[in-house]
């Protein structure tokens, strides 16, 4: 009898353990893997599934065909840093201080002290607490350090990612020798001109002193030479060494390549993404794959050169599409397709003003006016939005309701079983009811379109109406007149003499006029005055939700600081390759 009791207790314990294990497994099985893919500077009109017939994007088109395509998917900003801030936090960037008040709209240096604030809670942090393994492969562009080069207060690992491999900064033409600089070229030209003037003046003084024509003491010439050297260094340190200090690859907290080789970097990022998926195939994972493509400098991969009818830009888009195919094929090969939500988008619209050697190198925004840097016009903020989850989302579904990149946060948090922060305003909305077809109405009634910290436009989707009104209070001044971009400068301005203020605002119904060509008036729109009134009331209500926060994009926070410079080796002689022995150990993650 005692023996029977002992055996029964043992059997009960075993069964209990099995139930606990199976219960834990069932809980993990109920949580989908999440693959978020973001392109950089891609125009919505660059993709076949959004109407392009000159660039081949079969893998992205397949995602759209087998899943859900959003046609009015909106970025919270038309520049990289603020857009990605909103994506990670589900909050307008002005709420976290990541909206600029100056002519510098993004973080310009790895050694700047501004970045995603410590008190912001990203979706990666929440999913990490829900048992997800979280990884970021590719571009970050939300800061690195605060007070010293090793505090990593803005780094991805501080903001909820278990693993990071990629660019803490971004890809710019300065990263490829021989191309014109993208970083403050006007300031560089002014500094170089000043240095030339000082150099010629010093040379004239020295020659005049040697010839006895100028009664100038050598001490005065020495002092002026010292000042001239400091002036030269003020250009050379931040700009002359830009590639060495900013075009780097980090693996977790370590710099492993400084500067990186662009053509090798794309394949490295792809392999890292596949490796991350393979390492975590037995547990729920979040992978945020953030492309370098299609930001300039454009790819020169020989496998894709000359393949597109749209030149080098089209070649780069087609290479990006191939990379997406390789990543999604790895999901299918590992039998993870039915338990993985895949999402594809771009951080903002294509860059109309982008040119290299006199050739257009930016994207196409379809029928939408404007582009990168123009927060009000649709071309700068309307981006691709594609979801695929076999067996969950109905294939070949198109949703025309207003949605936002900020909606990804509450959507994935809900899927992971997490809860949204309750101590702050969350501007995004859970997309699952829309994606599943349980509702056909967006929860976004009003959306606000900023350029830096300046409100340029507001969108209103009235309840019980298909109309989508948008009022422009501020618009950039296009150059030349009649163009759709600011071709006399690298980017349109957000304020000052480069913009035009409108009172009353320019009003459009973009549900029937997506190109924003026909301004509504009291004569053409019977509800004109009521629409303007409703929009103004929404702006006032929105402004009441804003609070003063530290300005991460202030002049002090965006300038280069030597003590914050990420460095491989001994500062300032930072240099290493990814195969350096000191970084060759396999990462346990």
Protein backbone atom coordinates (compact mmCIF):
# COMPACT_ATOMS: atom_id res chain seq x y z
CA UNK A 1 0.00 0.00 0.00
CA UNK A 2 2.76 2.42 0.95
CA UNK A 3 4.50 1.48 -2.24
CA UNK A 4 1.33 2.31 -4.19
CA UNK A 5 1.03 5.71 -2.51
CA UNK A 6 4.65 6.51 -3.24
CA UNK A 7 4.26 5.54 -6.87
CA UNK A 8 1.01 7.52 -7.15
CA UNK A 9 2.65 10.62 -5.68
CA UNK A 10 5.58 10.21 -8.04
CA UNK A 11 3.24 9.84 -11.02
CA UNK A 12 1.26 12.90 -9.93
CA UNK A 13 4.47 14.95 -9.68
CA UNK A 14 5.56 13.83 -13.13
CA UNK A 15 2.15 14.67 -14.62
CA UNK A 16 2.19 18.08 -12.91
CA UNK A 17 5.61 18.85 -14.35
CA UNK A 18 4.43 17.77 -17.79
CA UNK A 19 1.38 20.03 -17.51
CA UNK A 20 3.53 22.95 -16.41
CA UNK A 21 5.94 22.37 -19.26
CA UNK A 22 3.19 21.94 -21.81
CA UNK A 23 1.41 24.98 -20.41
CA UNK A 24 4.55 27.07 -20.77
CA UNK A 25 5.02 25.69 -24.27
CA UNK A 26 1.42 26.48 -25.18
CA UNK A 27 1.88 30.02 -23.89
CA UNK A 28 4.98 30.46 -26.04
CA UNK A 29 3.22 28.87 -29.01
CA UNK A 30 0.43 31.42 -28.69
CA UNK A 31 2.90 34.25 -29.08
CA UNK A 32 3.85 34.84 -32.71
CA UNK A 33 7.33 35.66 -33.87
CA UNK A 34 7.46 39.25 -35.09
CA UNK A 35 9.60 40.37 -38.04
CA UNK A 36 9.57 44.14 -38.64
CA UNK A 37 11.33 45.32 -41.80
CA UNK A 38 11.94 49.02 -42.42
CA UNK A 39 13.47 50.54 -45.55
CA UNK A 40 15.24 53.89 -45.48
CA UNK A 41 14.08 56.73 -47.78
CA UNK A 42 11.97 54.38 -49.94
CA UNK A 43 9.18 56.03 -51.91
CA UNK A 44 5.76 54.39 -51.85
CA UNK A 45 5.75 54.57 -55.64
CA UNK A 46 8.92 52.46 -55.92
CA UNK A 47 7.06 49.17 -55.39
CA UNK A 48 5.13 47.09 -57.88
CA UNK A 49 2.29 46.47 -55.44
CA UNK A 50 1.81 50.25 -55.16
CA UNK A 51 1.78 50.84 -58.91
CA UNK A 52 5.40 50.86 -60.10
CA UNK A 53 5.93 49.09 -63.43
CA UNK A 54 9.63 49.80 -63.99
CA UNK A 55 11.26 48.35 -60.83
CA UNK A 56 10.91 44.66 -60.03
CA UNK A 57 9.98 43.94 -56.42
CA UNK A 58 8.56 40.39 -56.53
CA UNK A 59 9.25 39.52 -52.88
CA UNK A 60 7.59 42.63 -51.47
CA UNK A 61 4.74 42.26 -53.94
CA UNK A 62 4.29 38.66 -52.76
CA UNK A 63 4.00 39.82 -49.16
CA UNK A 64 1.21 42.19 -50.23
CA UNK A 65 -0.56 39.55 -52.30
CA UNK A 66 -0.44 36.98 -49.50
CA UNK A 67 -1.35 39.47 -46.79
CA UNK A 68 -2.74 42.92 -46.08
CA UNK A 69 -1.77 46.14 -47.87
CA UNK A 70 -2.37 49.54 -46.25
CA UNK A 71 -2.81 52.40 -48.71
CA UNK A 72 -2.93 55.30 -46.25
CA UNK A 73 -0.07 54.33 -43.93
CA UNK A 74 1.49 57.46 -42.44
CA UNK A 75 4.86 58.22 -40.88
CA UNK A 76 4.92 60.57 -37.89
CA UNK A 77 7.78 62.56 -39.46
CA UNK A 78 9.46 62.93 -42.84
CA UNK A 79 13.00 62.61 -41.44
CA UNK A 80 14.80 59.52 -40.12
CA UNK A 81 15.47 60.27 -36.44
CA UNK A 82 12.03 61.66 -35.47
CA UNK A 83 10.18 59.06 -37.56
CA UNK A 84 12.07 56.16 -35.96
CA UNK A 85 11.56 57.69 -32.53
CA UNK A 86 7.80 57.68 -33.07
CA UNK A 87 7.95 54.13 -34.43
CA UNK A 88 9.79 52.85 -31.35
CA UNK A 89 7.69 54.75 -28.78
CA UNK A 90 4.23 55.16 -30.39
CA UNK A 91 4.49 58.85 -29.54
CA UNK A 92 4.89 61.97 -31.65
CA UNK A 93 8.61 62.82 -31.46
CA UNK A 94 7.88 66.23 -29.95
CA UNK A 95 6.68 64.42 -26.80
CA UNK A 96 10.15 62.95 -26.18
CA UNK A 97 12.19 65.97 -27.24
CA UNK A 98 13.29 64.26 -30.46
CA UNK A 99 11.86 66.97 -32.72
CA UNK A 100 14.31 69.64 -33.85
CA UNK A 101 13.82 73.38 -33.59
CA UNK A 102 16.87 74.09 -35.78
CA UNK A 103 18.04 73.37 -39.31
CA UNK A 104 19.54 70.05 -38.12
CA UNK A 105 16.57 67.66 -38.26
CA UNK A 106 18.38 64.42 -37.36
CA UNK A 107 21.25 63.20 -35.19
CA UNK A 108 24.37 64.06 -37.20
CA UNK A 109 27.15 62.40 -35.22
CA UNK A 110 27.72 59.21 -33.28
CA UNK A 111 29.39 61.47 -30.73
CA UNK A 112 26.35 63.69 -30.16
CA UNK A 113 24.77 63.57 -26.71
CA UNK A 114 21.15 63.68 -27.89
CA UNK A 115 19.12 60.55 -28.44
CA UNK A 116 16.15 58.47 -27.41
CA UNK A 117 15.57 59.45 -23.75
CA UNK A 118 16.09 56.96 -20.95
CA UNK A 119 12.52 57.34 -19.71
CA UNK A 120 10.93 56.30 -23.01
CA UNK A 121 9.58 52.73 -23.11
CA UNK A 122 10.02 51.07 -26.50
CA UNK A 123 7.95 48.12 -27.72
CA UNK A 124 11.18 46.07 -27.55
CA UNK A 125 11.34 46.63 -23.78
CA UNK A 126 7.79 45.39 -23.31
CA UNK A 127 8.26 42.33 -25.50
CA UNK A 128 11.50 41.54 -23.70
CA UNK A 129 9.52 41.35 -20.45
CA UNK A 130 6.99 39.07 -22.18
CA UNK A 131 9.62 36.46 -22.86
CA UNK A 132 10.66 37.52 -26.35
CA UNK A 133 14.26 37.47 -27.55
CA UNK A 134 14.68 40.85 -29.22
CA UNK A 135 17.13 41.81 -31.93
CA UNK A 136 17.91 44.85 -34.05
CA UNK A 137 19.89 44.31 -37.24
CA UNK A 138 20.79 47.41 -39.26
CA UNK A 139 20.25 51.12 -38.77
CA UNK A 140 19.44 52.72 -35.38
CA UNK A 141 20.02 56.50 -35.70
CA UNK A 142 18.63 57.33 -32.25
CA UNK A 143 21.87 58.15 -30.44
CA UNK A 144 24.56 56.24 -28.58
CA UNK A 145 26.05 57.93 -25.50
CA UNK A 146 25.18 60.68 -23.01
CA UNK A 147 28.18 61.55 -20.82
CA UNK A 148 31.04 59.27 -21.89
CA UNK A 149 31.82 56.91 -24.74
CA UNK A 150 30.88 53.80 -22.80
CA UNK A 151 27.62 54.73 -21.03
CA UNK A 152 25.50 53.70 -24.07
CA UNK A 153 22.45 55.45 -22.62
CA UNK A 154 20.77 55.78 -26.04
CA UNK A 155 22.02 52.46 -27.38
CA UNK A 156 19.59 49.73 -28.59
CA UNK A 157 20.65 47.39 -25.76
CA UNK A 158 19.49 50.04 -23.28
CA UNK A 159 16.12 50.27 -25.01
CA UNK A 160 15.00 46.67 -24.93
CA UNK A 161 17.07 44.82 -27.52
CA UNK A 162 18.99 41.72 -26.47
CA UNK A 163 21.15 41.83 -29.57
CA UNK A 164 22.32 44.60 -31.88
CA UNK A 165 24.39 44.38 -35.03
CA UNK A 166 24.49 47.35 -37.32
CA UNK A 167 24.87 51.08 -37.77
CA UNK A 168 24.35 53.24 -34.68
CA UNK A 169 24.25 56.16 -37.11
CA UNK A 170 23.04 55.92 -40.72
CA UNK A 171 24.31 55.57 -44.27
CA UNK A 172 25.38 58.77 -46.02
CA UNK A 173 27.48 59.59 -49.08
CA UNK A 174 30.35 60.56 -46.78
CA UNK A 175 30.73 56.84 -46.02
CA UNK A 176 31.97 56.20 -49.57
CA UNK A 177 35.20 58.03 -50.56
CA UNK A 178 34.98 60.24 -53.62
CA UNK A 179 31.35 61.27 -53.29
CA UNK A 180 30.15 64.78 -52.33
CA UNK A 181 29.40 65.26 -48.66
CA UNK A 182 25.80 65.15 -47.42
CA UNK A 183 26.65 66.59 -44.00
CA UNK A 184 26.10 70.33 -43.80
CA UNK A 185 27.81 71.06 -47.16
CA UNK A 186 27.13 74.80 -46.98
CA UNK A 187 28.82 75.08 -43.58
CA UNK A 188 31.73 73.02 -44.85
CA UNK A 189 32.11 75.31 -47.87
CA UNK A 190 32.05 78.39 -45.63
CA UNK A 191 34.67 76.95 -43.27
CA UNK A 192 36.92 75.88 -46.15
CA UNK A 193 36.62 79.32 -47.75
CA UNK A 194 37.49 80.95 -44.42
CA UNK A 195 40.51 78.65 -44.08
CA UNK A 196 41.66 79.56 -47.58
CA UNK A 197 41.38 83.26 -46.83
CA UNK A 198 43.32 82.85 -43.57
CA UNK A 199 45.94 80.71 -45.30
CA UNK A 200 46.49 83.24 -48.09
CA UNK A 201 46.62 86.08 -45.55
CA UNK A 202 49.26 84.28 -43.46
CA UNK A 203 51.30 83.45 -46.54
CA UNK A 204 51.19 87.13 -47.59
CA UNK A 205 52.32 88.23 -44.11
CA UNK A 206 55.20 85.77 -44.07
CA UNK A 207 56.38 86.73 -47.57
CA UNK A 208 56.01 90.42 -46.76
CA UNK A 209 57.99 89.98 -43.53
CA UNK A 210 60.77 88.07 -45.30
CA UNK A 211 60.96 90.71 -48.01
CA UNK A 212 61.02 93.49 -45.41
CA UNK A 213 57.88 95.03 -46.83
CA UNK A 214 55.68 94.49 -43.79
CA UNK A 215 56.81 95.46 -40.26
CA UNK A 216 55.05 92.51 -38.61
CA UNK A 217 56.71 90.66 -35.73
CA UNK A 218 57.19 86.90 -35.85
CA UNK A 219 55.26 86.54 -32.59
CA UNK A 220 52.21 88.12 -34.23
CA UNK A 221 52.58 85.81 -37.22
CA UNK A 222 52.94 82.82 -34.88
CA UNK A 223 49.81 83.79 -32.97
CA UNK A 224 47.85 84.24 -36.20
CA UNK A 225 49.15 80.88 -37.45
CA UNK A 226 47.95 79.22 -34.25
CA UNK A 227 44.48 80.76 -34.67
CA UNK A 228 44.45 79.66 -38.32
CA UNK A 229 45.33 76.11 -37.28
CA UNK A 230 42.45 76.07 -34.81
CA UNK A 231 40.12 77.32 -37.56
CA UNK A 232 41.30 74.54 -39.87
CA UNK A 233 40.81 71.91 -37.17
CA UNK A 234 37.26 73.20 -36.61
CA UNK A 235 36.55 71.91 -40.11
CA UNK A 236 38.80 68.86 -40.30
CA UNK A 237 37.93 67.22 -36.95
CA UNK A 238 34.17 66.89 -37.48
CA UNK A 239 34.09 66.76 -41.29
CA UNK A 240 37.47 65.51 -42.53
CA UNK A 241 37.29 62.50 -40.21
CA UNK A 242 33.57 61.98 -40.64
CA UNK A 243 33.82 58.59 -42.35
CA UNK A 244 36.29 57.26 -39.79
CA UNK A 245 34.18 58.22 -36.80
CA UNK A 246 30.61 57.85 -38.03
CA UNK A 247 30.52 55.11 -40.64
CA UNK A 248 30.90 52.24 -38.20
CA UNK A 249 29.42 48.86 -37.37
CA UNK A 250 28.69 47.85 -33.78
CA UNK A 251 28.00 44.41 -32.41
CA UNK A 252 26.15 44.91 -29.15
CA UNK A 253 28.27 47.52 -27.33
CA UNK A 254 31.49 46.97 -29.30
CA UNK A 255 32.67 48.76 -32.42
CA UNK A 256 33.82 45.96 -34.73
CA UNK A 257 34.39 47.82 -38.00
CA UNK A 258 35.59 51.41 -38.29
CA UNK A 259 35.00 52.55 -40.97
CA UNK A 260 32.85 49.85 -42.54
CA UNK A 261 32.91 48.66 -46.15
CA UNK A 262 29.53 49.47 -47.66
CA UNK A 263 29.27 46.63 -50.15
CA UNK A 264 30.18 44.01 -47.56
CA UNK A 265 27.84 45.52 -44.96
CA UNK A 266 24.64 44.59 -46.82
CA UNK A 267 25.52 40.90 -46.95
CA UNK A 268 26.72 40.98 -43.34
CA UNK A 269 23.39 42.40 -42.17
CA UNK A 270 21.49 39.79 -44.16
CA UNK A 271 23.53 36.93 -42.67
CA UNK A 272 23.11 38.35 -39.18
CA UNK A 273 19.34 38.42 -39.65
CA UNK A 274 19.24 34.81 -40.82
CA UNK A 275 21.53 33.73 -37.98
CA UNK A 276 19.32 35.49 -35.42
CA UNK A 277 16.22 33.71 -36.72
CA UNK A 278 17.97 30.33 -36.68
CA UNK A 279 19.28 30.85 -33.14
CA UNK A 280 15.82 31.69 -31.83
CA UNK A 281 13.59 29.34 -33.84
CA UNK A 282 12.50 27.48 -30.70
CA UNK A 283 11.25 30.54 -28.79
CA UNK A 284 9.29 33.69 -29.63
CA UNK A 285 11.45 36.42 -31.11
CA UNK A 286 11.17 40.01 -32.27
CA UNK A 287 13.53 40.92 -35.10
CA UNK A 288 13.62 44.52 -36.29
CA UNK A 289 15.55 44.54 -39.58
CA UNK A 290 16.35 48.14 -40.42
CA UNK A 291 17.78 48.59 -43.93
CA UNK A 292 20.61 50.84 -45.06
CA UNK A 293 18.80 50.75 -48.44
CA UNK A 294 17.84 52.93 -50.23
CA UNK A 295 19.58 55.89 -48.62
CA UNK A 296 22.49 57.32 -50.55
CA UNK A 297 25.13 56.31 -51.42
CA UNK A 298 23.34 53.82 -53.61
CA UNK A 299 24.48 50.22 -53.79
CA UNK A 300 27.11 49.18 -56.31
CA UNK A 301 26.54 45.44 -55.97
CA UNK A 302 27.59 43.95 -59.33
CA UNK A 303 24.88 41.29 -59.08
CA UNK A 304 22.19 43.97 -59.49
CA UNK A 305 24.01 46.61 -61.54
CA UNK A 306 22.12 47.55 -64.67
CA UNK A 307 19.20 45.23 -63.90
CA UNK A 308 16.60 47.96 -63.42
CA UNK A 309 15.09 50.29 -65.98
CA UNK A 310 15.37 53.05 -63.36
CA UNK A 311 19.16 53.11 -63.16
CA UNK A 312 21.24 52.72 -60.02
CA UNK A 313 18.39 53.67 -57.71
CA UNK A 314 16.21 50.96 -59.20
CA UNK A 315 19.09 48.48 -58.91
CA UNK A 316 19.31 49.29 -55.20
CA UNK A 317 15.57 48.80 -54.68
CA UNK A 318 15.78 45.43 -56.44
CA UNK A 319 18.70 44.39 -54.23
CA UNK A 320 16.66 45.36 -51.17
CA UNK A 321 13.77 43.26 -52.44
CA UNK A 322 16.13 40.28 -52.92
CA UNK A 323 17.37 40.62 -49.32
CA UNK A 324 13.77 40.59 -48.08
CA UNK A 325 13.22 37.40 -50.09
CA UNK A 326 16.24 35.77 -48.46
CA UNK A 327 15.00 36.64 -44.96
CA UNK A 328 11.42 35.51 -45.56
CA UNK A 329 12.68 32.32 -47.25
CA UNK A 330 14.62 31.52 -44.07
CA UNK A 331 11.37 31.88 -42.10
CA UNK A 332 9.69 29.41 -44.46
CA UNK A 333 12.66 27.00 -44.46
CA UNK A 334 12.53 26.78 -40.66
CA UNK A 335 8.77 26.09 -40.76
CA UNK A 336 8.06 29.35 -38.91
CA UNK A 337 5.88 30.99 -41.55
CA UNK A 338 2.51 30.29 -39.92
CA UNK A 339 3.66 31.56 -36.53
CA UNK A 340 5.43 34.70 -37.76
CA UNK A 341 3.93 38.13 -38.38
CA UNK A 342 5.90 39.96 -41.08
CA UNK A 343 5.59 43.73 -41.52
CA UNK A 344 7.25 45.93 -44.14
CA UNK A 345 7.41 49.71 -44.37
CA UNK A 346 9.69 52.71 -44.96
CA UNK A 347 10.63 55.36 -42.40
CA UNK A 348 9.30 58.13 -44.69
CA UNK A 349 8.95 59.08 -48.34
CA UNK A 350 11.55 59.20 -51.09
CA UNK A 351 14.13 61.99 -51.21
CA UNK A 352 13.30 64.20 -54.19
CA UNK A 353 16.31 66.50 -53.84
CA UNK A 354 18.84 63.65 -53.66
CA UNK A 355 21.41 63.92 -56.45
CA UNK A 356 24.88 62.57 -57.12
CA UNK A 357 27.01 63.74 -60.02
CA UNK A 358 23.98 65.56 -61.40
CA UNK A 359 21.76 62.45 -61.43
CA UNK A 360 18.58 61.85 -59.44
CA UNK A 361 19.26 59.26 -56.72
CA UNK A 362 16.07 59.52 -54.68
CA UNK A 363 12.84 57.60 -54.82
CA UNK A 364 9.45 58.12 -56.42
CA UNK A 365 6.42 58.90 -54.27
CA UNK A 366 3.81 58.01 -56.85
CA UNK A 367 0.96 60.48 -57.25
CA UNK A 368 1.73 62.14 -53.92
CA UNK A 369 3.18 65.64 -53.77
CA UNK A 370 6.47 66.29 -51.97
CA UNK A 371 8.92 63.93 -50.31
CA UNK A 372 11.47 63.50 -47.54
CA UNK A 373 11.66 66.47 -45.20
CA UNK A 374 8.19 67.78 -46.13
CA UNK A 375 5.99 66.63 -43.26
CA UNK A 376 2.80 68.20 -44.53
CA UNK A 377 2.72 66.91 -48.10
CA UNK A 378 1.69 63.29 -48.60
CA UNK A 379 4.87 62.34 -50.51
CA UNK A 380 6.98 62.78 -47.39
CA UNK A 381 4.82 60.77 -45.00
CA UNK A 382 2.72 58.23 -46.94
CA UNK A 383 4.69 54.99 -46.87
CA UNK A 384 4.20 51.31 -47.70
CA UNK A 385 2.45 49.25 -45.05
CA UNK A 386 2.31 45.50 -45.63
CA UNK A 387 1.43 42.71 -43.17
CA UNK A 388 1.59 38.98 -43.71
CA UNK A 389 0.58 36.24 -41.28
CA UNK A 390 -0.65 33.07 -43.01
CA UNK A 391 -3.78 31.58 -41.51
CA UNK A 392 -4.52 34.74 -39.54
CA UNK A 393 -4.72 37.62 -42.05
CA UNK A 394 -6.85 37.25 -45.15
CA UNK A 395 -4.71 37.28 -48.30
CA UNK A 396 -5.11 40.00 -50.95
CA UNK A 397 -6.68 42.42 -48.48
CA UNK A 398 -6.45 46.17 -49.00
CA UNK A 399 -7.22 48.69 -46.27
CA UNK A 400 -7.73 52.34 -47.24
CA UNK A 401 -8.19 53.74 -43.74
CA UNK A 402 -5.65 56.15 -42.15
CA UNK A 403 -3.04 54.21 -40.15
CA UNK A 404 0.29 55.15 -38.64
CA UNK A 405 3.79 53.71 -38.14
CA UNK A 406 3.09 54.44 -34.48
CA UNK A 407 0.37 51.75 -34.58
CA UNK A 408 2.96 48.96 -34.74
CA UNK A 409 3.82 49.46 -31.06
CA UNK A 410 0.35 48.77 -29.56
CA UNK A 411 -0.23 46.04 -32.16
CA UNK A 412 2.83 43.94 -31.30
CA UNK A 413 2.46 44.64 -27.56
CA UNK A 414 -1.08 43.26 -27.74
CA UNK A 415 0.06 40.17 -29.63
CA UNK A 416 2.78 39.55 -27.04
CA UNK A 417 0.32 39.77 -24.16
CA UNK A 418 1.83 42.97 -22.79
CA UNK A 419 0.21 46.18 -21.61
CA UNK A 420 0.78 49.73 -22.80
CA UNK A 421 2.38 52.30 -20.48
CA UNK A 422 -0.31 54.19 -18.59
CA UNK A 423 1.85 57.10 -17.41
CA UNK A 424 2.13 58.80 -20.81
CA UNK A 425 0.22 59.60 -23.96
CA UNK A 426 0.33 56.82 -26.56
CA UNK A 427 -0.57 58.09 -30.02
CA UNK A 428 -0.68 54.76 -31.86
CA UNK A 429 -3.64 52.37 -32.08
CA UNK A 430 -3.86 48.59 -32.13
CA UNK A 431 -4.28 47.54 -35.77
CA UNK A 432 -5.44 43.96 -35.13
CA UNK A 433 -9.19 44.70 -35.42
CA UNK A 434 -8.57 46.30 -38.82
CA UNK A 435 -6.14 43.62 -40.00
CA UNK A 436 -8.51 40.83 -38.98
CA UNK A 437 -11.51 42.49 -40.61
CA UNK A 438 -13.39 42.82 -37.32
CA UNK A 439 -13.76 46.53 -37.98
CA UNK A 440 -13.52 48.58 -41.14
CA UNK A 441 -12.89 51.87 -39.42
CA UNK A 442 -9.59 53.35 -38.26
CA UNK A 443 -9.38 54.60 -34.68
CA UNK A 444 -7.43 57.64 -35.92
CA UNK A 445 -9.79 60.57 -36.26
CA UNK A 446 -7.05 63.22 -36.25
CA UNK A 447 -3.37 62.91 -37.18
CA UNK A 448 -0.78 65.65 -36.78
CA UNK A 449 2.05 66.24 -39.23
CA UNK A 450 5.20 67.86 -37.88
CA UNK A 451 8.33 69.12 -39.57
CA UNK A 452 10.83 69.15 -36.73
CA UNK A 453 8.96 70.68 -33.80
CA UNK A 454 6.74 72.77 -36.09
CA UNK A 455 3.19 71.65 -36.81
CA UNK A 456 2.68 71.90 -40.56
CA UNK A 457 -0.59 70.07 -41.20
CA UNK A 458 -3.48 68.16 -39.64
CA UNK A 459 -5.56 65.29 -41.07
CA UNK A 460 -9.19 64.62 -40.11
CA UNK A 461 -11.17 61.48 -40.89
CA UNK A 462 -14.67 62.45 -39.66
CA UNK A 463 -16.73 59.76 -37.99
CA UNK A 464 -19.32 58.14 -40.28
CA UNK A 465 -17.65 59.62 -43.35
CA UNK A 466 -15.25 58.37 -46.03
CA UNK A 467 -13.71 61.82 -46.42
CA UNK A 468 -10.16 62.57 -45.21
CA UNK A 469 -9.52 66.30 -44.90
CA UNK A 470 -6.09 67.78 -44.49
CA UNK A 471 -5.27 71.38 -43.64
CA UNK A 472 -1.79 72.79 -44.34
CA UNK A 473 -0.85 75.65 -42.03
CA UNK A 474 2.75 75.75 -43.26
CA UNK A 475 4.29 74.50 -46.52
CA UNK A 476 7.86 74.60 -47.87
CA UNK A 477 8.55 76.97 -50.72
CA UNK A 478 9.38 74.83 -53.73
CA UNK A 479 12.23 75.83 -56.01
CA UNK A 480 11.95 76.48 -58.86
CA UNK A 481 8.37 77.66 -58.71
CA UNK A 482 6.03 74.94 -59.87
CA UNK A 483 8.37 72.11 -58.85
CA UNK A 484 7.59 69.55 -56.14
CA UNK A 485 10.81 69.85 -54.17
CA UNK A 486 13.35 72.35 -52.82
CA UNK A 487 16.06 71.77 -55.42
CA UNK A 488 18.14 74.77 -54.37
CA UNK A 489 19.03 72.99 -51.14
CA UNK A 490 19.54 69.48 -49.80
CA UNK A 491 16.26 69.54 -47.87
CA UNK A 492 13.26 71.80 -47.57
CA UNK A 493 13.21 73.94 -44.45
CA UNK A 494 10.72 73.52 -41.61
CA UNK A 495 10.62 77.21 -40.64
CA UNK A 496 11.92 80.66 -41.51
CA UNK A 497 12.20 82.16 -45.01
CA UNK A 498 12.04 78.69 -46.59
CA UNK A 499 8.38 78.17 -45.70
CA UNK A 500 5.04 79.85 -46.37
CA UNK A 501 2.33 80.25 -43.72
CA UNK A 502 -1.31 79.92 -44.72
CA UNK A 503 -4.22 81.69 -43.01
CA UNK A 504 -6.71 80.30 -43.75
CA UNK A 505 -4.95 76.98 -44.21
CA UNK A 506 -4.80 75.11 -47.51
CA UNK A 507 -7.56 72.53 -47.30
CA UNK A 508 -7.78 69.30 -49.31
CA UNK A 509 -9.96 66.20 -49.29
CA UNK A 510 -7.27 63.61 -49.94
CA UNK A 511 -9.81 60.78 -50.14
CA UNK A 512 -10.69 62.09 -53.62
CA UNK A 513 -7.65 64.30 -54.27
CA UNK A 514 -4.61 62.32 -53.01
CA UNK A 515 -2.25 64.46 -55.12
CA UNK A 516 -3.38 67.57 -53.21
CA UNK A 517 -3.95 69.57 -56.35
CA UNK A 518 -7.34 71.18 -55.68
CA UNK A 519 -7.61 73.56 -52.71
CA UNK A 520 -11.07 73.57 -51.17
CA UNK A 521 -12.85 76.84 -50.51
CA UNK A 522 -16.24 77.98 -49.16
CA UNK A 523 -17.44 78.00 -52.77
CA UNK A 524 -16.39 74.39 -53.50
CA UNK A 525 -16.96 72.80 -50.07
CA UNK A 526 -20.27 73.48 -48.27
CA UNK A 527 -18.84 72.32 -44.93
CA UNK A 528 -15.68 74.42 -45.31
CA UNK A 529 -16.02 76.58 -42.20
CA UNK A 530 -17.07 73.68 -39.99
CA UNK A 531 -14.10 71.62 -41.20
CA UNK A 532 -11.67 74.43 -40.42
CA UNK A 533 -13.28 74.87 -37.00
CA UNK A 534 -13.04 71.16 -36.18
CA UNK A 535 -9.39 71.02 -37.26
CA UNK A 536 -8.46 74.07 -35.20
CA UNK A 537 -10.20 72.62 -32.14
CA UNK A 538 -8.24 69.38 -32.61
CA UNK A 539 -4.96 71.30 -32.80
CA UNK A 540 -5.74 73.13 -29.56
CA UNK A 541 -6.68 69.89 -27.81
CA UNK A 542 -3.50 68.23 -29.08
CA UNK A 543 -1.36 71.16 -27.91
CA UNK A 544 -2.84 70.78 -24.42
CA UNK A 545 -1.41 67.25 -24.25
CA UNK A 546 2.16 68.44 -24.88
CA UNK A 547 4.53 69.03 -21.98
CA UNK A 548 7.98 70.56 -21.75
CA UNK A 549 10.71 67.93 -21.99
CA UNK A 550 14.51 68.11 -22.42
CA UNK A 551 15.28 68.95 -26.04
CA UNK A 552 17.37 66.07 -27.33
CA UNK A 553 17.89 67.88 -30.64
CA UNK A 554 19.16 71.17 -29.19
CA UNK A 555 22.36 72.68 -30.61
CA UNK A 556 24.40 71.40 -27.68
CA UNK A 557 22.97 67.89 -27.98
CA UNK A 558 23.59 67.55 -31.72
CA UNK A 559 27.18 68.83 -31.94
CA UNK A 560 30.16 66.46 -32.04
CA UNK A 561 31.79 65.77 -28.66
CA UNK A 562 35.14 63.94 -28.62
CA UNK A 563 34.50 62.32 -25.21
CA UNK A 564 31.42 60.57 -26.61
CA UNK A 565 33.03 59.17 -29.76
CA UNK A 566 32.57 55.39 -30.13
CA UNK A 567 36.01 54.06 -30.93
CA UNK A 568 37.70 50.82 -31.84
CA UNK A 569 41.29 51.06 -30.59
CA UNK A 570 42.88 54.18 -29.15
CA UNK A 571 41.09 57.50 -29.58
CA UNK A 572 41.49 59.47 -31.83
CA UNK A 573 43.18 56.80 -34.00
CA UNK A 574 40.03 54.67 -34.21
CA UNK A 575 40.31 51.89 -36.72
CA UNK A 576 39.49 48.18 -36.98
CA UNK A 577 38.01 45.60 -39.30
CA UNK A 578 35.25 43.17 -38.39
CA UNK A 579 37.78 40.33 -38.55
CA UNK A 580 40.02 41.85 -35.89
CA UNK A 581 41.14 39.22 -33.37
CA UNK A 582 39.95 41.33 -30.45
CA UNK A 583 36.36 41.01 -31.69
CA UNK A 584 36.47 37.57 -33.23
CA UNK A 585 34.80 35.64 -30.38
CA UNK A 586 31.34 34.27 -31.16
CA UNK A 587 28.55 36.13 -29.42
CA UNK A 588 26.50 33.96 -27.05
CA UNK A 589 23.27 35.60 -28.21
